[in-house]
PDB file of all heavy atoms in Angstrom:
ATOM      1  N   ASN A   1      -5.086 -33.348   7.694  1.00  0.00           N
ATOM      2  CA  ASN A   1      -5.802 -32.580   6.648  1.00  0.00           C
ATOM      3  C   ASN A   1      -5.968 -31.097   7.148  1.00  0.00           C
ATOM      4  O   ASN A   1      -5.889 -30.194   6.255  1.00  0.00           O
ATOM      5  CB  ASN A   1      -7.301 -33.266   6.603  1.00  0.00           C
ATOM      6  CG  ASN A   1      -7.310 -34.573   5.716  1.00  0.00           C
ATOM      7  OD1 ASN A   1      -6.280 -34.755   5.049  1.00  0.00           O
ATOM      8  ND2 ASN A   1      -8.234 -35.290   5.989  1.00  0.00           N
ATOM      9  N   THR A   2      -6.084 -30.892   8.503  1.00  0.00           N
ATOM     10  CA  THR A   2      -6.032 -29.529   9.005  1.00  0.00           C
ATOM     11  C   THR A   2      -4.772 -28.789   8.686  1.00  0.00           C
ATOM     12  O   THR A   2      -4.794 -27.586   8.238  1.00  0.00           O
ATOM     13  CB  THR A   2      -6.335 -29.410  10.410  1.00  0.00           C
ATOM     14  OG1 THR A   2      -7.584 -30.136  10.766  1.00  0.00           O
ATOM     15  CG2 THR A   2      -6.227 -28.090  11.031  1.00  0.00           C
ATOM     16  N   PHE A   3      -3.749 -29.517   8.754  1.00  0.00           N
ATOM     17  CA  PHE A   3      -2.304 -28.930   8.549  1.00  0.00           C
ATOM     18  C   PHE A   3      -2.319 -28.547   7.001  1.00  0.00           C
ATOM     19  O   PHE A   3      -1.947 -27.418   6.658  1.00  0.00           O
ATOM     20  CB  PHE A   3      -1.295 -29.947   8.743  1.00  0.00           C
ATOM     21  CG  PHE A   3       0.152 -29.720   8.567  1.00  0.00           C
ATOM     22  CD1 PHE A   3       0.534 -28.445   8.597  1.00  0.00           C
ATOM     23  CD2 PHE A   3       1.072 -30.637   8.212  1.00  0.00           C
ATOM     24  CE1 PHE A   3       1.901 -28.060   8.407  1.00  0.00           C
ATOM     25  CE2 PHE A   3       2.384 -30.319   7.810  1.00  0.00           C
ATOM     26  CZ  PHE A   3       2.834 -28.995   8.088  1.00  0.00           C
ATOM     27  N   LYS A   4      -2.795 -29.484   6.147  1.00  0.00           N
ATOM     28  CA  LYS A   4      -2.716 -29.240   4.733  1.00  0.00           C
ATOM     29  C   LYS A   4      -3.590 -28.028   4.365  1.00  0.00           C
ATOM     30  O   LYS A   4      -3.280 -27.223   3.431  1.00  0.00           O
ATOM     31  CB  LYS A   4      -3.074 -30.496   3.959  1.00  0.00           C
ATOM     32  CG  LYS A   4      -2.032 -31.597   4.047  1.00  0.00           C
ATOM     33  CD  LYS A   4      -2.415 -33.020   3.667  1.00  0.00           C
ATOM     34  CE  LYS A   4      -2.831 -32.950   2.191  1.00  0.00           C
ATOM     35  NZ  LYS A   4      -3.162 -34.452   1.842  1.00  0.00           N
ATOM     36  N   GLU A   5      -4.707 -27.953   4.953  1.00  0.00           N
ATOM     37  CA  GLU A   5      -5.806 -27.052   4.566  1.00  0.00           C
ATOM     38  C   GLU A   5      -5.180 -25.589   4.942  1.00  0.00           C
ATOM     39  O   GLU A   5      -5.592 -24.679   4.390  1.00  0.00           O
ATOM     40  CB  GLU A   5      -6.957 -27.295   5.288  1.00  0.00           C
ATOM     41  CG  GLU A   5      -7.736 -28.428   4.647  1.00  0.00           C
ATOM     42  CD  GLU A   5      -8.932 -28.987   5.591  1.00  0.00           C
ATOM     43  OE1 GLU A   5      -9.160 -28.192   6.685  1.00  0.00           O
ATOM     44  OE2 GLU A   5      -9.536 -29.834   5.374  1.00  0.00           O
ATOM     45  N   SER A   6      -4.188 -25.566   5.839  1.00  0.00           N
ATOM     46  CA  SER A   6      -3.702 -24.229   6.305  1.00  0.00           C
ATOM     47  C   SER A   6      -2.931 -23.635   5.081  1.00  0.00           C
ATOM     48  O   SER A   6      -2.722 -22.337   5.083  1.00  0.00           O
ATOM     49  CB  SER A   6      -2.788 -24.227   7.429  1.00  0.00           C
ATOM     50  OG  SER A   6      -1.683 -24.997   7.183  1.00  0.00           O
ATOM     51  N   TYR A   7      -2.518 -24.455   4.105  1.00  0.00           N
ATOM     52  CA  TYR A   7      -1.816 -23.853   3.012  1.00  0.00           C
ATOM     53  C   TYR A   7      -2.743 -23.855   1.698  1.00  0.00           C
ATOM     54  O   TYR A   7      -2.244 -23.464   0.643  1.00  0.00           O
ATOM     55  CB  TYR A   7      -0.597 -24.752   2.636  1.00  0.00           C
ATOM     56  CG  TYR A   7       0.539 -24.505   3.706  1.00  0.00           C
ATOM     57  CD1 TYR A   7       0.729 -25.358   4.684  1.00  0.00           C
ATOM     58  CD2 TYR A   7       1.359 -23.431   3.592  1.00  0.00           C
ATOM     59  CE1 TYR A   7       1.618 -25.206   5.699  1.00  0.00           C
ATOM     60  CE2 TYR A   7       2.371 -23.233   4.500  1.00  0.00           C
ATOM     61  CZ  TYR A   7       2.565 -24.099   5.506  1.00  0.00           C
ATOM     62  OH  TYR A   7       3.533 -23.836   6.484  1.00  0.00           O
ATOM     63  N   ALA A   8      -3.981 -24.274   1.728  1.00  0.00           N
ATOM     64  CA  ALA A   8      -4.741 -24.423   0.646  1.00  0.00           C
ATOM     65  C   ALA A   8      -4.971 -23.094  -0.150  1.00  0.00           C
ATOM     66  O   ALA A   8      -4.891 -23.088  -1.415  1.00  0.00           O
ATOM     67  CB  ALA A   8      -6.083 -24.995   0.963  1.00  0.00           C
ATOM     68  N   SER A   9      -5.152 -21.972   0.689  1.00  0.00           N
ATOM     69  CA  SER A   9      -5.388 -20.672  -0.034  1.00  0.00           C
ATOM     70  C   SER A   9      -4.134 -20.202  -0.852  1.00  0.00           C
ATOM     71  O   SER A   9      -4.287 -19.506  -1.839  1.00  0.00           O
ATOM     72  CB  SER A   9      -5.839 -19.594   0.948  1.00  0.00           C
ATOM     73  OG  SER A   9      -4.893 -19.410   1.942  1.00  0.00           O
ATOM     74  N   ILE A  10      -2.901 -20.531  -0.283  1.00  0.00           N
ATOM     75  CA  ILE A  10      -1.686 -20.080  -0.869  1.00  0.00           C
ATOM     76  C   ILE A  10      -1.475 -20.702  -2.281  1.00  0.00           C
ATOM     77  O   ILE A  10      -1.294 -20.103  -3.206  1.00  0.00           O
ATOM     78  CB  ILE A  10      -0.520 -20.383  -0.028  1.00  0.00           C
ATOM     79  CG1 ILE A  10      -0.623 -19.450   1.289  1.00  0.00           C
ATOM     80  CG2 ILE A  10       0.736 -20.071  -0.814  1.00  0.00           C
ATOM     81  CD1 ILE A  10       0.448 -19.660   2.258  1.00  0.00           C
ATOM     82  N   PHE A  11      -1.739 -22.026  -2.347  1.00  0.00           N
ATOM     83  CA  PHE A  11      -1.546 -22.842  -3.507  1.00  0.00           C
ATOM     84  C   PHE A  11      -2.716 -22.917  -4.362  1.00  0.00           C
ATOM     85  O   PHE A  11      -2.702 -23.281  -5.541  1.00  0.00           O
ATOM     86  CB  PHE A  11      -0.974 -24.197  -3.129  1.00  0.00           C
ATOM     87  CG  PHE A  11       0.340 -24.250  -2.820  1.00  0.00           C
ATOM     88  CD1 PHE A  11       0.701 -24.121  -1.434  1.00  0.00           C
ATOM     89  CD2 PHE A  11       1.447 -24.281  -3.598  1.00  0.00           C
ATOM     90  CE1 PHE A  11       2.200 -24.119  -1.023  1.00  0.00           C
ATOM     91  CE2 PHE A  11       2.787 -24.271  -3.384  1.00  0.00           C
ATOM     92  CZ  PHE A  11       3.166 -24.159  -2.006  1.00  0.00           C
ATOM     93  N   GLY A  12      -3.910 -22.499  -3.857  1.00  0.00           N
ATOM     94  CA  GLY A  12      -5.085 -22.417  -4.598  1.00  0.00           C
ATOM     95  C   GLY A  12      -5.197 -21.094  -5.367  1.00  0.00           C
ATOM     96  O   GLY A  12      -6.048 -20.996  -6.394  1.00  0.00           O
ATOM     97  N   GLY A  13      -4.495 -20.005  -4.992  1.00  0.00           N
ATOM     98  CA  GLY A  13      -4.646 -18.707  -5.726  1.00  0.00           C
ATOM     99  C   GLY A  13      -3.662 -17.752  -5.288  1.00  0.00           C
ATOM    100  O   GLY A  13      -3.740 -16.605  -5.652  1.00  0.00           O
ATOM    101  N   GLY A  14      -2.646 -18.137  -4.385  1.00  0.00           N
ATOM    102  CA  GLY A  14      -1.685 -17.140  -3.865  1.00  0.00           C
ATOM    103  C   GLY A  14      -0.612 -16.767  -4.995  1.00  0.00           C
ATOM    104  O   GLY A  14      -0.751 -17.477  -6.091  1.00  0.00           O
ATOM    105  N   ASN A  15       0.110 -15.779  -4.692  1.00  0.00           N
ATOM    106  CA  ASN A  15       1.138 -15.253  -5.633  1.00  0.00           C
ATOM    107  C   ASN A  15       2.437 -16.123  -5.565  1.00  0.00           C
ATOM    108  O   ASN A  15       2.590 -16.879  -4.588  1.00  0.00           O
ATOM    109  CB  ASN A  15       1.359 -13.791  -5.563  1.00  0.00           C
ATOM    110  CG  ASN A  15       1.867 -13.479  -4.160  1.00  0.00           C
ATOM    111  OD1 ASN A  15       2.771 -14.054  -3.540  1.00  0.00           O
ATOM    112  ND2 ASN A  15       1.395 -12.351  -3.631  1.00  0.00           N
ATOM    113  N   THR A  16       3.202 -15.954  -6.519  1.00  0.00           N
ATOM    114  CA  THR A  16       4.560 -16.656  -6.587  1.00  0.00           C
ATOM    115  C   THR A  16       5.286 -16.539  -5.256  1.00  0.00           C
ATOM    116  O   THR A  16       5.864 -17.620  -4.751  1.00  0.00           O
ATOM    117  CB  THR A  16       5.251 -16.322  -7.769  1.00  0.00           C
ATOM    118  OG1 THR A  16       4.575 -16.579  -8.925  1.00  0.00           O
ATOM    119  CG2 THR A  16       6.645 -17.015  -7.734  1.00  0.00           C
ATOM    120  N   GLN A  17       5.405 -15.330  -4.809  1.00  0.00           N
ATOM    121  CA  GLN A  17       6.242 -15.181  -3.586  1.00  0.00           C
ATOM    122  C   GLN A  17       5.766 -15.795  -2.341  1.00  0.00           C
ATOM    123  O   GLN A  17       6.446 -16.372  -1.634  1.00  0.00           O
ATOM    124  CB  GLN A  17       6.391 -13.603  -3.202  1.00  0.00           C
ATOM    125  CG  GLN A  17       7.620 -13.226  -2.560  1.00  0.00           C
ATOM    126  CD  GLN A  17       8.871 -13.783  -3.395  1.00  0.00           C
ATOM    127  OE1 GLN A  17       9.000 -13.517  -4.596  1.00  0.00           O
ATOM    128  NE2 GLN A  17       9.875 -14.371  -2.716  1.00  0.00           N
ATOM    129  N   ASP A  18       4.332 -15.800  -2.193  1.00  0.00           N
ATOM    130  CA  ASP A  18       3.652 -16.570  -1.139  1.00  0.00           C
ATOM    131  C   ASP A  18       4.035 -18.029  -1.226  1.00  0.00           C
ATOM    132  O   ASP A  18       4.311 -18.728  -0.241  1.00  0.00           O
ATOM    133  CB  ASP A  18       2.113 -16.293  -1.158  1.00  0.00           C
ATOM    134  CG  ASP A  18       1.823 -14.879  -0.751  1.00  0.00           C
ATOM    135  OD1 ASP A  18       2.695 -14.226  -0.010  1.00  0.00           O
ATOM    136  OD2 ASP A  18       0.653 -14.484  -1.042  1.00  0.00           O
ATOM    137  N   LYS A  19       4.035 -18.519  -2.394  1.00  0.00           N
ATOM    138  CA  LYS A  19       4.214 -19.931  -2.548  1.00  0.00           C
ATOM    139  C   LYS A  19       5.827 -20.253  -2.230  1.00  0.00           C
ATOM    140  O   LYS A  19       6.053 -21.290  -1.541  1.00  0.00           O
ATOM    141  CB  LYS A  19       3.915 -20.474  -3.954  1.00  0.00           C
ATOM    142  CG  LYS A  19       2.425 -20.306  -4.287  1.00  0.00           C
ATOM    143  CD  LYS A  19       2.170 -20.694  -5.703  1.00  0.00           C
ATOM    144  CE  LYS A  19       0.704 -20.505  -6.115  1.00  0.00           C
ATOM    145  NZ  LYS A  19       0.436 -20.670  -7.462  1.00  0.00           N
ATOM    146  N   LEU A  20       6.548 -19.441  -2.613  1.00  0.00           N
ATOM    147  CA  LEU A  20       8.232 -19.697  -2.435  1.00  0.00           C
ATOM    148  C   LEU A  20       8.357 -19.541  -0.905  1.00  0.00           C
ATOM    149  O   LEU A  20       9.097 -20.328  -0.403  1.00  0.00           O
ATOM    150  CB  LEU A  20       8.970 -18.645  -3.179  1.00  0.00           C
ATOM    151  CG  LEU A  20       8.974 -18.897  -4.718  1.00  0.00           C
ATOM    152  CD1 LEU A  20       9.826 -17.747  -5.340  1.00  0.00           C
ATOM    153  CD2 LEU A  20       9.604 -20.278  -5.008  1.00  0.00           C
ATOM    154  N   GLU A  21       7.689 -18.701  -0.224  1.00  0.00           N
ATOM    155  CA  GLU A  21       7.800 -18.487   1.198  1.00  0.00           C
ATOM    156  C   GLU A  21       7.285 -19.713   1.926  1.00  0.00           C
ATOM    157  O   GLU A  21       8.011 -20.196   2.819  1.00  0.00           O
ATOM    158  CB  GLU A  21       7.071 -17.297   1.670  1.00  0.00           C
ATOM    159  CG  GLU A  21       7.152 -17.030   3.221  1.00  0.00           C
ATOM    160  CD  GLU A  21       6.736 -15.665   3.629  1.00  0.00           C
ATOM    161  OE1 GLU A  21       5.904 -15.021   2.898  1.00  0.00           O
ATOM    162  OE2 GLU A  21       6.858 -15.279   4.818  1.00  0.00           O
ATOM    163  N   ALA A  22       6.168 -20.242   1.632  1.00  0.00           N
ATOM    164  CA  ALA A  22       5.687 -21.538   2.103  1.00  0.00           C
ATOM    165  C   ALA A  22       6.543 -22.701   2.018  1.00  0.00           C
ATOM    166  O   ALA A  22       6.827 -23.369   2.886  1.00  0.00           O
ATOM    167  CB  ALA A  22       4.244 -21.774   1.670  1.00  0.00           C
ATOM    168  N   ILE A  23       7.046 -22.741   0.793  1.00  0.00           N
ATOM    169  CA  ILE A  23       7.969 -23.848   0.543  1.00  0.00           C
ATOM    170  C   ILE A  23       9.287 -23.691   1.324  1.00  0.00           C
ATOM    171  O   ILE A  23       9.874 -24.641   1.922  1.00  0.00           O
ATOM    172  CB  ILE A  23       8.361 -23.888  -1.072  1.00  0.00           C
ATOM    173  CG1 ILE A  23       7.132 -24.372  -1.783  1.00  0.00           C
ATOM    174  CG2 ILE A  23       9.475 -24.922  -1.289  1.00  0.00           C
ATOM    175  CD1 ILE A  23       7.144 -24.108  -3.278  1.00  0.00           C
ATOM    176  N   GLY A  24       9.803 -22.387   1.404  1.00  0.00           N
ATOM    177  CA  GLY A  24      11.040 -22.137   2.066  1.00  0.00           C
ATOM    178  C   GLY A  24      10.991 -22.507   3.581  1.00  0.00           C
ATOM    179  O   GLY A  24      11.935 -22.933   4.138  1.00  0.00           O
ATOM    180  N   GLU A  25       9.786 -22.075   4.018  1.00  0.00           N
ATOM    181  CA  GLU A  25       9.601 -22.448   5.515  1.00  0.00           C
ATOM    182  C   GLU A  25       9.433 -23.754   5.879  1.00  0.00           C
ATOM    183  O   GLU A  25      10.035 -24.282   6.828  1.00  0.00           O
ATOM    184  CB  GLU A  25       8.216 -21.579   6.020  1.00  0.00           C
ATOM    185  CG  GLU A  25       8.346 -20.165   6.003  1.00  0.00           C
ATOM    186  CD  GLU A  25       7.117 -19.397   6.334  1.00  0.00           C
ATOM    187  OE1 GLU A  25       5.987 -20.053   6.175  1.00  0.00           O
ATOM    188  OE2 GLU A  25       7.191 -18.227   6.772  1.00  0.00           O
ATOM    189  N   GLN A  26       8.814 -24.569   5.021  1.00  0.00           N
ATOM    190  CA  GLN A  26       8.683 -25.974   5.197  1.00  0.00           C
ATOM    191  C   GLN A  26      10.060 -26.800   4.975  1.00  0.00           C
ATOM    192  O   GLN A  26      10.378 -27.711   5.703  1.00  0.00           O
ATOM    193  CB  GLN A  26       7.621 -26.678   4.303  1.00  0.00           C
ATOM    194  CG  GLN A  26       6.224 -26.316   4.767  1.00  0.00           C
ATOM    195  CD  GLN A  26       5.954 -26.823   6.148  1.00  0.00           C
ATOM    196  OE1 GLN A  26       6.421 -28.001   6.501  1.00  0.00           O
ATOM    197  NE2 GLN A  26       5.297 -26.004   7.025  1.00  0.00           N
ATOM    198  N   LEU A  27      10.889 -26.294   4.025  1.00  0.00           N
ATOM    199  CA  LEU A  27      12.181 -26.833   3.947  1.00  0.00           C
ATOM    200  C   LEU A  27      12.940 -26.682   5.270  1.00  0.00           C
ATOM    201  O   LEU A  27      13.694 -27.539   5.701  1.00  0.00           O
ATOM    202  CB  LEU A  27      12.943 -26.233   2.847  1.00  0.00           C
ATOM    203  CG  LEU A  27      12.531 -26.814   1.493  1.00  0.00           C
ATOM    204  CD1 LEU A  27      13.158 -25.775   0.344  1.00  0.00           C
ATOM    205  CD2 LEU A  27      13.149 -28.145   1.210  1.00  0.00           C
ATOM    206  N   TRP A  28      12.829 -25.491   5.721  1.00  0.00           N
ATOM    207  CA  TRP A  28      13.554 -25.022   7.108  1.00  0.00           C
ATOM    208  C   TRP A  28      13.108 -25.917   8.143  1.00  0.00           C
ATOM    209  O   TRP A  28      14.029 -26.426   8.951  1.00  0.00           O
ATOM    210  CB  TRP A  28      13.239 -23.589   7.301  1.00  0.00           C
ATOM    211  CG  TRP A  28      13.886 -23.044   8.590  1.00  0.00           C
ATOM    212  CD1 TRP A  28      15.244 -22.608   8.782  1.00  0.00           C
ATOM    213  CD2 TRP A  28      13.240 -22.718   9.710  1.00  0.00           C
ATOM    214  NE1 TRP A  28      15.330 -22.163   9.920  1.00  0.00           N
ATOM    215  CE2 TRP A  28      14.197 -22.077  10.651  1.00  0.00           C
ATOM    216  CE3 TRP A  28      11.858 -22.739  10.134  1.00  0.00           C
ATOM    217  CZ2 TRP A  28      13.597 -21.592  11.864  1.00  0.00           C
ATOM    218  CZ3 TRP A  28      11.470 -22.307  11.335  1.00  0.00           C
ATOM    219  CH2 TRP A  28      12.443 -21.803  12.198  1.00  0.00           C
ATOM    220  N   LEU A  29      11.724 -26.210   8.291  1.00  0.00           N
ATOM    221  CA  LEU A  29      11.288 -26.983   9.320  1.00  0.00           C
ATOM    222  C   LEU A  29      11.630 -28.552   9.143  1.00  0.00           C
ATOM    223  O   LEU A  29      11.920 -29.179  10.108  1.00  0.00           O
ATOM    224  CB  LEU A  29       9.695 -27.013   9.420  1.00  0.00           C
ATOM    225  CG  LEU A  29       9.080 -25.579  10.017  1.00  0.00           C
ATOM    226  CD1 LEU A  29       7.643 -25.635   9.762  1.00  0.00           C
ATOM    227  CD2 LEU A  29       9.541 -25.515  11.386  1.00  0.00           C
ATOM    228  N   ASN A  30      11.608 -28.882   7.848  1.00  0.00           N
ATOM    229  CA  ASN A  30      11.987 -30.265   7.534  1.00  0.00           C
ATOM    230  C   ASN A  30      13.593 -30.576   8.012  1.00  0.00           C
ATOM    231  O   ASN A  30      13.882 -31.724   8.240  1.00  0.00           O
ATOM    232  CB  ASN A  30      11.934 -30.437   6.083  1.00  0.00           C
ATOM    233  CG  ASN A  30      12.293 -31.969   5.721  1.00  0.00           C
ATOM    234  OD1 ASN A  30      11.521 -32.805   6.188  1.00  0.00           O
ATOM    235  ND2 ASN A  30      13.251 -32.213   4.821  1.00  0.00           N
TER     236      ASN A  30
END
């Protein structure tokens, strides 16, 4: 839950680029 909460602000109100960056980083880590 702590891990998921670290992204809550991005997907709760962040801009498109912030969301794409978060997704791209997680794909890379995956």
